[in-house]
Amino acid sequence: MDLATATETLRSKVGDSSGLNAVLKFDTGADGVIVIDAKAVPNTVDNTDREADCTVAISMANLGDLLSGELEPTTGFMTGKFKVSGDMSVALKLQRVV
């Protein structure tokens, strides 16, 4: 999965109102970032790097697995496939979205 595909997949999953009420960033390193801004309705999903309430550091391959359902969020976190920094409660709400 590439950045554009992951961004569109997240945009469709998030919809207009995800209930996150926060800014969440997926940082895929050299592949780029995907930011979900769910502080206002409609929610926005884009690739502009900015401050976030919660950041998920994840490889593009693991993000693809997460979005396709092949990687469960809890399993991915517990096995170190991604790291969460910032407000952990935002990451927990993410399970409803992905």
PDB file of N, CA and C in Angstrom:
ATOM      1  N   MET A   1       0.851  -1.177   0.000  1.00  0.00           N
ATOM      2  CA  MET A   1       0.000   0.000   0.000  1.00  0.00           C
ATOM      3  C   MET A   1       0.894   1.236   0.000  1.00  0.00           C
ATOM      4  N   ASP A   2       0.504   2.235  -0.782  1.00  0.00           N
ATOM      5  CA  ASP A   2       1.268   3.478  -0.800  1.00  0.00           C
ATOM      6  C   ASP A   2       0.526   4.556   0.008  1.00  0.00           C
ATOM      7  N   LEU A   3       1.165   5.717   0.151  1.00  0.00           N
ATOM      8  CA  LEU A   3       0.614   6.784   0.988  1.00  0.00           C
ATOM      9  C   LEU A   3      -0.750   7.259   0.475  1.00  0.00           C
ATOM     10  N   ALA A   4      -0.885   7.449  -0.829  1.00  0.00           N
ATOM     11  CA  ALA A   4      -2.148   7.933  -1.386  1.00  0.00           C
ATOM     12  C   ALA A   4      -3.290   6.946  -1.135  1.00  0.00           C
ATOM     13  N   THR A   5      -3.016   5.665  -1.314  1.00  0.00           N
ATOM     14  CA  THR A   5      -4.035   4.641  -1.085  1.00  0.00           C
ATOM     15  C   THR A   5      -4.418   4.578   0.386  1.00  0.00           C
ATOM     16  N   ALA A   6      -3.423   4.624   1.266  1.00  0.00           N
ATOM     17  CA  ALA A   6      -3.692   4.594   2.705  1.00  0.00           C
ATOM     18  C   ALA A   6      -4.500   5.818   3.134  1.00  0.00           C
ATOM     19  N   THR A   7      -4.174   6.975   2.563  1.00  0.00           N
ATOM     20  CA  THR A   7      -4.897   8.203   2.892  1.00  0.00           C
ATOM     21  C   THR A   7      -6.356   8.092   2.482  1.00  0.00           C
ATOM     22  N   GLU A   8      -6.607   7.614   1.264  1.00  0.00           N
ATOM     23  CA  GLU A   8      -7.986   7.462   0.789  1.00  0.00           C
ATOM     24  C   GLU A   8      -8.748   6.416   1.602  1.00  0.00           C
ATOM     25  N   THR A   9      -8.067   5.327   1.965  1.00  0.00           N
ATOM     26  CA  THR A   9      -8.711   4.290   2.776  1.00  0.00           C
ATOM     27  C   THR A   9      -9.112   4.858   4.129  1.00  0.00           C
ATOM     28  N   LEU A  10      -8.203   5.604   4.768  1.00  0.00           N
ATOM     29  CA  LEU A  10      -8.530   6.223   6.054  1.00  0.00           C
ATOM     30  C   LEU A  10      -9.648   7.248   5.899  1.00  0.00           C
ATOM     31  N   ARG A  11      -9.605   8.031   4.843  1.00  0.00           N
ATOM     32  CA  ARG A  11     -10.641   9.046   4.614  1.00  0.00           C
ATOM     33  C   ARG A  11     -12.021   8.379   4.542  1.00  0.00           C
ATOM     34  N   SER A  12     -12.115   7.247   3.851  1.00  0.00           N
ATOM     35  CA  SER A  12     -13.408   6.569   3.739  1.00  0.00           C
ATOM     36  C   SER A  12     -13.826   5.933   5.059  1.00  0.00           C
ATOM     37  N   LYS A  13     -12.872   5.433   5.845  1.00  0.00           N
ATOM     38  CA  LYS A  13     -13.191   4.825   7.141  1.00  0.00           C
ATOM     39  C   LYS A  13     -13.600   5.878   8.168  1.00  0.00           C
ATOM     40  N   VAL A  14     -12.940   7.030   8.143  1.00  0.00           N
ATOM     41  CA  VAL A  14     -13.200   8.093   9.116  1.00  0.00           C
ATOM     42  C   VAL A  14     -14.548   8.756   8.856  1.00  0.00           C
ATOM     43  N   GLY A  15     -14.845   9.027   7.594  1.00  0.00           N
ATOM     44  CA  GLY A  15     -16.093   9.685   7.257  1.00  0.00           C
ATOM     45  C   GLY A  15     -16.117  11.136   7.740  1.00  0.00           C
ATOM     46  N   ASP A  16     -17.302  11.681   7.894  1.00  0.00           N
ATOM     47  CA  ASP A  16     -17.440  13.072   8.310  1.00  0.00           C
ATOM     48  C   ASP A  16     -17.308  13.261   9.811  1.00  0.00           C
ATOM     49  N   SER A  17     -17.681  12.236  10.576  1.00  0.00           N
ATOM     50  CA  SER A  17     -17.668  12.371  12.035  1.00  0.00           C
ATOM     51  C   SER A  17     -17.245  11.050  12.672  1.00  0.00           C
ATOM     52  N   SER A  18     -15.954  10.940  12.994  1.00  0.00           N
ATOM     53  CA  SER A  18     -15.397   9.698  13.522  1.00  0.00           C
ATOM     54  C   SER A  18     -15.606   9.533  15.023  1.00  0.00           C
ATOM     55  N   GLY A  19     -15.834  10.644  15.728  1.00  0.00           N
ATOM     56  CA  GLY A  19     -15.954  10.576  17.182  1.00  0.00           C
ATOM     57  C   GLY A  19     -14.621  10.645  17.905  1.00  0.00           C
ATOM     58  N   LEU A  20     -13.517  10.818  17.163  1.00  0.00           N
ATOM     59  CA  LEU A  20     -12.200  10.896  17.811  1.00  0.00           C
ATOM     60  C   LEU A  20     -12.032  12.192  18.610  1.00  0.00           C
ATOM     61  N   ASN A  21     -12.589  13.283  18.103  1.00  0.00           N
ATOM     62  CA  ASN A  21     -12.484  14.598  18.755  1.00  0.00           C
ATOM     63  C   ASN A  21     -11.043  14.980  19.067  1.00  0.00           C
ATOM     64  N   ALA A  22     -10.133  14.665  18.156  1.00  0.00           N
ATOM     65  CA  ALA A  22      -8.703  14.938  18.349  1.00  0.00           C
ATOM     66  C   ALA A  22      -8.009  14.914  17.001  1.00  0.00           C
ATOM     67  N   VAL A  23      -6.727  15.295  17.019  1.00  0.00           N
ATOM     68  CA  VAL A  23      -5.894  15.199  15.824  1.00  0.00           C
ATOM     69  C   VAL A  23      -4.982  13.990  16.011  1.00  0.00           C
ATOM     70  N   LEU A  24      -5.026  13.080  15.056  1.00  0.00           N
ATOM     71  CA  LEU A  24      -4.244  11.848  15.119  1.00  0.00           C
ATOM     72  C   LEU A  24      -3.352  11.781  13.892  1.00  0.00           C
ATOM     73  N   LYS A  25      -2.082  11.466  14.115  1.00  0.00           N
ATOM     74  CA  LYS A  25      -1.123  11.393  13.006  1.00  0.00           C
ATOM     75  C   LYS A  25      -0.543   9.992  12.907  1.00  0.00           C
ATOM     76  N   PHE A  26      -0.560   9.444  11.695  1.00  0.00           N
ATOM     77  CA  PHE A  26       0.169   8.218  11.387  1.00  0.00           C
ATOM     78  C   PHE A  26       1.478   8.655  10.756  1.00  0.00           C
ATOM     79  N   ASP A  27       2.588   8.362  11.396  1.00  0.00           N
ATOM     80  CA  ASP A  27       3.911   8.727  10.885  1.00  0.00           C
ATOM     81  C   ASP A  27       4.562   7.469  10.336  1.00  0.00           C
ATOM     82  N   THR A  28       4.690   7.409   9.010  1.00  0.00           N
ATOM     83  CA  THR A  28       5.266   6.223   8.370  1.00  0.00           C
ATOM     84  C   THR A  28       6.722   6.447   7.978  1.00  0.00           C
ATOM     85  N   GLY A  29       7.368   7.405   8.646  1.00  0.00           N
ATOM     86  CA  GLY A  29       8.778   7.678   8.386  1.00  0.00           C
ATOM     87  C   GLY A  29       8.975   8.307   7.024  1.00  0.00           C
ATOM     88  N   ALA A  30       9.870   7.738   6.235  1.00  0.00           N
ATOM     89  CA  ALA A  30      10.216   8.294   4.924  1.00  0.00           C
ATOM     90  C   ALA A  30       9.037   8.272   3.949  1.00  0.00           C
ATOM     91  N   ASP A  31       8.032   7.427   4.210  1.00  0.00           N
ATOM     92  CA  ASP A  31       6.873   7.339   3.324  1.00  0.00           C
ATOM     93  C   ASP A  31       5.916   8.512   3.502  1.00  0.00           C
ATOM     94  N   GLY A  32       6.004   9.235   4.627  1.00  0.00           N
ATOM     95  CA  GLY A  32       5.157  10.403   4.854  1.00  0.00           C
ATOM     96  C   GLY A  32       4.227  10.239   6.036  1.00  0.00           C
ATOM     97  N   VAL A  33       3.307  11.188   6.164  1.00  0.00           N
ATOM     98  CA  VAL A  33       2.361  11.186   7.278  1.00  0.00           C
ATOM     99  C   VAL A  33       0.931  11.252   6.746  1.00  0.00           C
ATOM    100  N   ILE A  34       0.023  10.733   7.568  1.00  0.00           N
ATOM    101  CA  ILE A  34      -1.405  10.878   7.329  1.00  0.00           C
ATOM    102  C   ILE A  34      -1.982  11.449   8.613  1.00  0.00           C
ATOM    103  N   VAL A  35      -2.662  12.579   8.490  1.00  0.00           N
ATOM    104  CA  VAL A  35      -3.214  13.246   9.666  1.00  0.00           C
ATOM    105  C   VAL A  35      -4.734  13.255   9.579  1.00  0.00           C
ATOM    106  N   ILE A  36      -5.360  12.762  10.644  1.00  0.00           N
ATOM    107  CA  ILE A  36      -6.816  12.815  10.780  1.00  0.00           C
ATOM    108  C   ILE A  36      -7.119  13.956  11.744  1.00  0.00           C
ATOM    109  N   ASP A  37      -7.799  14.984  11.257  1.00  0.00           N
ATOM    110  CA  ASP A  37      -8.211  16.088  12.120  1.00  0.00           C
ATOM    111  C   ASP A  37      -9.704  15.919  12.386  1.00  0.00           C
ATOM    112  N   ALA A  38      -9.989  15.387  13.574  1.00  0.00           N
ATOM    113  CA  ALA A  38     -11.372  15.105  13.936  1.00  0.00           C
ATOM    114  C   ALA A  38     -11.869  16.052  15.026  1.00  0.00           C
ATOM    115  N   LYS A  39     -11.235  17.231  15.131  1.00  0.00           N
ATOM    116  CA  LYS A  39     -11.684  18.213  16.116  1.00  0.00           C
ATOM    117  C   LYS A  39     -12.899  18.983  15.626  1.00  0.00           C
ATOM    118  N   ALA A  40     -13.134  18.991  14.319  1.00  0.00           N
ATOM    119  CA  ALA A  40     -14.289  19.669  13.745  1.00  0.00           C
ATOM    120  C   ALA A  40     -15.003  18.701  12.811  1.00  0.00           C
ATOM    121  N   VAL A  41     -16.266  18.976  12.579  1.00  0.00           N
ATOM    122  CA  VAL A  41     -17.045  18.171  11.643  1.00  0.00           C
ATOM    123  C   VAL A  41     -17.300  19.037  10.418  1.00  0.00           C
ATOM    124  N   PRO A  42     -17.000  18.590   9.212  1.00  0.00           N
ATOM    125  CA  PRO A  42     -16.542  17.247   8.880  1.00  0.00           C
ATOM    126  C   PRO A  42     -15.059  17.040   9.202  1.00  0.00           C
ATOM    127  N   ASN A  43     -14.723  15.807   9.519  1.00  0.00           N
ATOM    128  CA  ASN A  43     -13.327  15.439   9.757  1.00  0.00           C
ATOM    129  C   ASN A  43     -12.554  15.575   8.459  1.00  0.00           C
ATOM    130  N   THR A  44     -11.237  15.852   8.583  1.00  0.00           N
ATOM    131  CA  THR A  44     -10.394  15.901   7.398  1.00  0.00           C
ATOM    132  C   THR A  44      -9.257  14.899   7.543  1.00  0.00           C
ATOM    133  N   VAL A  45      -8.814  14.376   6.419  1.00  0.00           N
ATOM    134  CA  VAL A  45      -7.683  13.460   6.369  1.00  0.00           C
ATOM    135  C   VAL A  45      -6.767  13.961   5.266  1.00  0.00           C
ATOM    136  N   ASP A  46      -5.500  14.278   5.633  1.00  0.00           N
ATOM    137  CA  ASP A  46      -4.569  14.774   4.638  1.00  0.00           C
ATOM    138  C   ASP A  46      -3.145  14.354   4.981  1.00  0.00           C
ATOM    139  N   ASN A  47      -2.199  14.843   4.195  1.00  0.00           N
ATOM    140  CA  ASN A  47      -0.791  14.449   4.367  1.00  0.00           C
ATOM    141  C   ASN A  47       0.081  15.617   4.803  1.00  0.00           C
ATOM    142  N   THR A  48      -0.514  16.622   5.457  1.00  0.00           N
ATOM    143  CA  THR A  48       0.228  17.777   5.940  1.00  0.00           C
ATOM    144  C   THR A  48       0.735  17.500   7.345  1.00  0.00           C
ATOM    145  N   ASP A  49       2.045  17.487   7.517  1.00  0.00           N
ATOM    146  CA  ASP A  49       2.645  17.200   8.823  1.00  0.00           C
ATOM    147  C   ASP A  49       2.403  18.375   9.768  1.00  0.00           C
ATOM    148  N   ARG A  50       1.826  18.084  10.928  1.00  0.00           N
ATOM    149  CA  ARG A  50       1.575  19.111  11.943  1.00  0.00           C
ATOM    150  C   ARG A  50       1.454  18.462  13.307  1.00  0.00           C
ATOM    151  N   GLU A  51       1.348  19.293  14.333  1.00  0.00           N
ATOM    152  CA  GLU A  51       1.199  18.787  15.697  1.00  0.00           C
ATOM    153  C   GLU A  51      -0.073  17.954  15.796  1.00  0.00           C
ATOM    154  N   ALA A  52       0.000  16.918  16.624  1.00  0.00           N
ATOM    155  CA  ALA A  52      -1.156  16.050  16.813  1.00  0.00           C
ATOM    156  C   ALA A  52      -1.298  15.699  18.289  1.00  0.00           C
ATOM    157  N   ASP A  53      -2.517  15.370  18.697  1.00  0.00           N
ATOM    158  CA  ASP A  53      -2.758  14.933  20.072  1.00  0.00           C
ATOM    159  C   ASP A  53      -2.156  13.555  20.309  1.00  0.00           C
ATOM    160  N   CYS A  54      -2.116  12.762  19.251  1.00  0.00           N
ATOM    161  CA  CYS A  54      -1.598  11.393  19.337  1.00  0.00           C
ATOM    162  C   CYS A  54      -0.894  11.063  18.023  1.00  0.00           C
ATOM    163  N   THR A  55       0.281  10.439  18.132  1.00  0.00           N
ATOM    164  CA  THR A  55       1.027  10.033  16.936  1.00  0.00           C
ATOM    165  C   THR A  55       1.268   8.529  16.986  1.00  0.00           C
ATOM    166  N   VAL A  56       0.980   7.875  15.880  1.00  0.00           N
ATOM    167  CA  VAL A  56       1.227   6.448  15.731  1.00  0.00           C
ATOM    168  C   VAL A  56       2.381   6.297  14.750  1.00  0.00           C
ATOM    169  N   ALA A  57       3.523   5.827  15.235  1.00  0.00           N
ATOM    170  CA  ALA A  57       4.679   5.567  14.382  1.00  0.00           C
ATOM    171  C   ALA A  57       4.552   4.126  13.877  1.00  0.00           C
ATOM    172  N   ILE A  58       4.416   3.994  12.553  1.00  0.00           N
ATOM    173  CA  ILE A  58       4.124   2.688  11.967  1.00  0.00           C
ATOM    174  C   ILE A  58       4.716   2.619  10.562  1.00  0.00           C
ATOM    175  N   SER A  59       5.155   1.439  10.159  1.00  0.00           N
ATOM    176  CA  SER A  59       5.649   1.292   8.791  1.00  0.00           C
ATOM    177  C   SER A  59       4.468   1.261   7.831  1.00  0.00           C
ATOM    178  N   MET A  60       4.714   1.587   6.582  1.00  0.00           N
ATOM    179  CA  MET A  60       3.640   1.577   5.588  1.00  0.00           C
ATOM    180  C   MET A  60       3.065   0.172   5.432  1.00  0.00           C
ATOM    181  N   ALA A  61       3.918  -0.846   5.490  1.00  0.00           N
ATOM    182  CA  ALA A  61       3.437  -2.226   5.371  1.00  0.00           C
ATOM    183  C   ALA A  61       2.490  -2.574   6.519  1.00  0.00           C
ATOM    184  N   ASN A  62       2.864  -2.203   7.748  1.00  0.00           N
ATOM    185  CA  ASN A  62       2.012  -2.495   8.890  1.00  0.00           C
ATOM    186  C   ASN A  62       0.729  -1.662   8.856  1.00  0.00           C
ATOM    187  N   LEU A  63       0.815  -0.418   8.364  1.00  0.00           N
ATOM    188  CA  LEU A  63      -0.394   0.399   8.234  1.00  0.00           C
ATOM    189  C   LEU A  63      -1.351  -0.242   7.239  1.00  0.00           C
ATOM    190  N   GLY A  64      -0.819  -0.748   6.142  1.00  0.00           N
ATOM    191  CA  GLY A  64      -1.649  -1.450   5.167  1.00  0.00           C
ATOM    192  C   GLY A  64      -2.341  -2.648   5.788  1.00  0.00           C
ATOM    193  N   ASP A  65      -1.602  -3.413   6.595  1.00  0.00           N
ATOM    194  CA  ASP A  65      -2.185  -4.572   7.279  1.00  0.00           C
ATOM    195  C   ASP A  65      -3.258  -4.136   8.275  1.00  0.00           C
ATOM    196  N   LEU A  66      -3.010  -3.038   8.981  1.00  0.00           N
ATOM    197  CA  LEU A  66      -3.970  -2.520   9.957  1.00  0.00           C
ATOM    198  C   LEU A  66      -5.263  -2.103   9.253  1.00  0.00           C
ATOM    199  N   LEU A  67      -5.130  -1.394   8.142  1.00  0.00           N
ATOM    200  CA  LEU A  67      -6.302  -0.906   7.425  1.00  0.00           C
ATOM    201  C   LEU A  67      -7.078  -2.018   6.726  1.00  0.00           C
ATOM    202  N   SER A  68      -6.388  -3.080   6.343  1.00  0.00           N
ATOM    203  CA  SER A  68      -7.067  -4.189   5.672  1.00  0.00           C
ATOM    204  C   SER A  68      -7.678  -5.183   6.653  1.00  0.00           C
ATOM    205  N   GLY A  69      -7.364  -5.025   7.942  1.00  0.00           N
ATOM    206  CA  GLY A  69      -7.897  -5.938   8.947  1.00  0.00           C
ATOM    207  C   GLY A  69      -6.997  -7.125   9.232  1.00  0.00           C
ATOM    208  N   GLU A  70      -5.864  -7.217   8.539  1.00  0.00           N
ATOM    209  CA  GLU A  70      -4.940  -8.322   8.774  1.00  0.00           C
ATOM    210  C   GLU A  70      -4.174  -8.174  10.091  1.00  0.00           C
ATOM    211  N   LEU A  71      -4.081  -6.937  10.592  1.00  0.00           N
ATOM    212  CA  LEU A  71      -3.389  -6.662  11.858  1.00  0.00           C
ATOM    213  C   LEU A  71      -4.382  -6.026  12.815  1.00  0.00           C
ATOM    214  N   GLU A  72      -4.643  -6.709  13.924  1.00  0.00           N
ATOM    215  CA  GLU A  72      -5.522  -6.161  14.959  1.00  0.00           C
ATOM    216  C   GLU A  72      -4.787  -5.046  15.690  1.00  0.00           C
ATOM    217  N   PRO A  73      -5.446  -3.921  15.997  1.00  0.00           N
ATOM    218  CA  PRO A  73      -4.768  -2.809  16.673  1.00  0.00           C
ATOM    219  C   PRO A  73      -4.084  -3.201  17.987  1.00  0.00           C
ATOM    220  N   THR A  74      -4.764  -3.955  18.829  1.00  0.00           N
ATOM    221  CA  THR A  74      -4.173  -4.339  20.117  1.00  0.00           C
ATOM    222  C   THR A  74      -2.965  -5.236  19.910  1.00  0.00           C
ATOM    223  N   THR A  75      -3.066  -6.192  19.016  1.00  0.00           N
ATOM    224  CA  THR A  75      -1.959  -7.100  18.731  1.00  0.00           C
ATOM    225  C   THR A  75      -0.764  -6.333  18.173  1.00  0.00           C
ATOM    226  N   GLY A  76      -1.026  -5.412  17.258  1.00  0.00           N
ATOM    227  CA  GLY A  76       0.047  -4.615  16.672  1.00  0.00           C
ATOM    228  C   GLY A  76       0.790  -3.801  17.709  1.00  0.00           C
ATOM    229  N   PHE A  77       0.050  -3.209  18.635  1.00  0.00           N
ATOM    230  CA  PHE A  77       0.675  -2.413  19.693  1.00  0.00           C
ATOM    231  C   PHE A  77       1.480  -3.304  20.633  1.00  0.00           C
ATOM    232  N   MET A  78       0.884  -4.401  21.065  1.00  0.00           N
ATOM    233  CA  MET A  78       1.543  -5.286  22.040  1.00  0.00           C
ATOM    234  C   MET A  78       2.779  -5.974  21.460  1.00  0.00           C
ATOM    235  N   THR A  79       2.803  -6.198  20.149  1.00  0.00           N
ATOM    236  CA  THR A  79       3.951  -6.865  19.534  1.00  0.00           C
ATOM    237  C   THR A  79       4.973  -5.872  18.988  1.00  0.00           C
ATOM    238  N   GLY A  80       4.744  -4.575  19.197  1.00  0.00           N
ATOM    239  CA  GLY A  80       5.708  -3.559  18.792  1.00  0.00           C
ATOM    240  C   GLY A  80       5.701  -3.227  17.305  1.00  0.00           C
ATOM    241  N   LYS A  81       4.626  -3.575  16.601  1.00  0.00           N
ATOM    242  CA  LYS A  81       4.562  -3.262  15.170  1.00  0.00           C
ATOM    243  C   LYS A  81       4.308  -1.779  14.947  1.00  0.00           C
ATOM    244  N   PHE A  82       3.835  -1.095  15.983  1.00  0.00           N
ATOM    245  CA  PHE A  82       3.731   0.359  15.957  1.00  0.00           C
ATOM    246  C   PHE A  82       3.843   0.895  17.376  1.00  0.00           C
ATOM    247  N   LYS A  83       4.220   2.162  17.471  1.00  0.00           N
ATOM    248  CA  LYS A  83       4.378   2.823  18.761  1.00  0.00           C
ATOM    249  C   LYS A  83       3.447   4.026  18.804  1.00  0.00           C
ATOM    250  N   VAL A  84       2.905   4.281  19.989  1.00  0.00           N
ATOM    251  CA  VAL A  84       1.971   5.386  20.174  1.00  0.00           C
ATOM    252  C   VAL A  84       2.597   6.391  21.127  1.00  0.00           C
ATOM    253  N   SER A  85       2.557   7.662  20.738  1.00  0.00           N
ATOM    254  CA  SER A  85       3.009   8.716  21.642  1.00  0.00           C
ATOM    255  C   SER A  85       1.914   9.765  21.741  1.00  0.00           C
ATOM    256  N   GLY A  86       1.859  10.432  22.871  1.00  0.00           N
ATOM    257  CA  GLY A  86       0.812  11.428  23.086  1.00  0.00           C
ATOM    258  C   GLY A  86      -0.348  10.827  23.850  1.00  0.00           C
ATOM    259  N   ASP A  87      -1.538  11.277  23.549  1.00  0.00           N
ATOM    260  CA  ASP A  87      -2.758  10.898  24.260  1.00  0.00           C
ATOM    261  C   ASP A  87      -3.201   9.485  23.863  1.00  0.00           C
ATOM    262  N   MET A  88      -2.961   8.540  24.755  1.00  0.00           N
ATOM    263  CA  MET A  88      -3.282   7.137  24.484  1.00  0.00           C
ATOM    264  C   MET A  88      -4.793   6.917  24.315  1.00  0.00           C
ATOM    265  N   SER A  89      -5.613   7.747  24.948  1.00  0.00           N
ATOM    266  CA  SER A  89      -7.062   7.567  24.825  1.00  0.00           C
ATOM    267  C   SER A  89      -7.521   7.786  23.372  1.00  0.00           C
ATOM    268  N   VAL A  90      -6.812   8.637  22.635  1.00  0.00           N
ATOM    269  CA  VAL A  90      -7.137   8.856  21.212  1.00  0.00           C
ATOM    270  C   VAL A  90      -6.844   7.582  20.428  1.00  0.00           C
ATOM    271  N   ALA A  91      -5.712   6.959  20.721  1.00  0.00           N
ATOM    272  CA  ALA A  91      -5.357   5.707  20.035  1.00  0.00           C
ATOM    273  C   ALA A  91      -6.378   4.614  20.334  1.00  0.00           C
ATOM    274  N   LEU A  92      -6.894   4.582  21.546  1.00  0.00           N
ATOM    275  CA  LEU A  92      -7.900   3.573  21.898  1.00  0.00           C
ATOM    276  C   LEU A  92      -9.194   3.809  21.123  1.00  0.00           C
ATOM    277  N   LYS A  93      -9.563   5.067  20.908  1.00  0.00           N
ATOM    278  CA  LYS A  93     -10.765   5.376  20.120  1.00  0.00           C
ATOM    279  C   LYS A  93     -10.588   4.976  18.667  1.00  0.00           C
ATOM    280  N   LEU A  94      -9.347   4.951  18.213  1.00  0.00           N
ATOM    281  CA  LEU A  94      -9.047   4.628  16.820  1.00  0.00           C
ATOM    282  C   LEU A  94      -9.529   3.226  16.465  1.00  0.00           C
ATOM    283  N   GLN A  95      -9.579   2.327  17.427  1.00  0.00           N
ATOM    284  CA  GLN A  95     -10.021   0.957  17.152  1.00  0.00           C
ATOM    285  C   GLN A  95     -11.410   0.926  16.537  1.00  0.00           C
ATOM    286  N   ARG A  96     -12.249   1.904  16.886  1.00  0.00           N
ATOM    287  CA  ARG A  96     -13.607   1.954  16.314  1.00  0.00           C
ATOM    288  C   ARG A  96     -13.563   2.345  14.841  1.00  0.00           C
ATOM    289  N   VAL A  97     -12.508   3.080  14.454  1.00  0.00           N
ATOM    290  CA  VAL A  97     -12.426   3.595  13.088  1.00  0.00           C
ATOM    291  C   VAL A  97     -11.795   2.585  12.145  1.00  0.00           C
ATOM    292  N   VAL A  98     -10.659   2.017  12.530  1.00  0.00           N
ATOM    293  CA  VAL A  98      -9.958   1.101  11.638  1.00  0.00           C
ATOM    294  C   VAL A  98     -10.466  -0.309  11.863  1.00  0.00           C
TER     295      VAL A  98
END
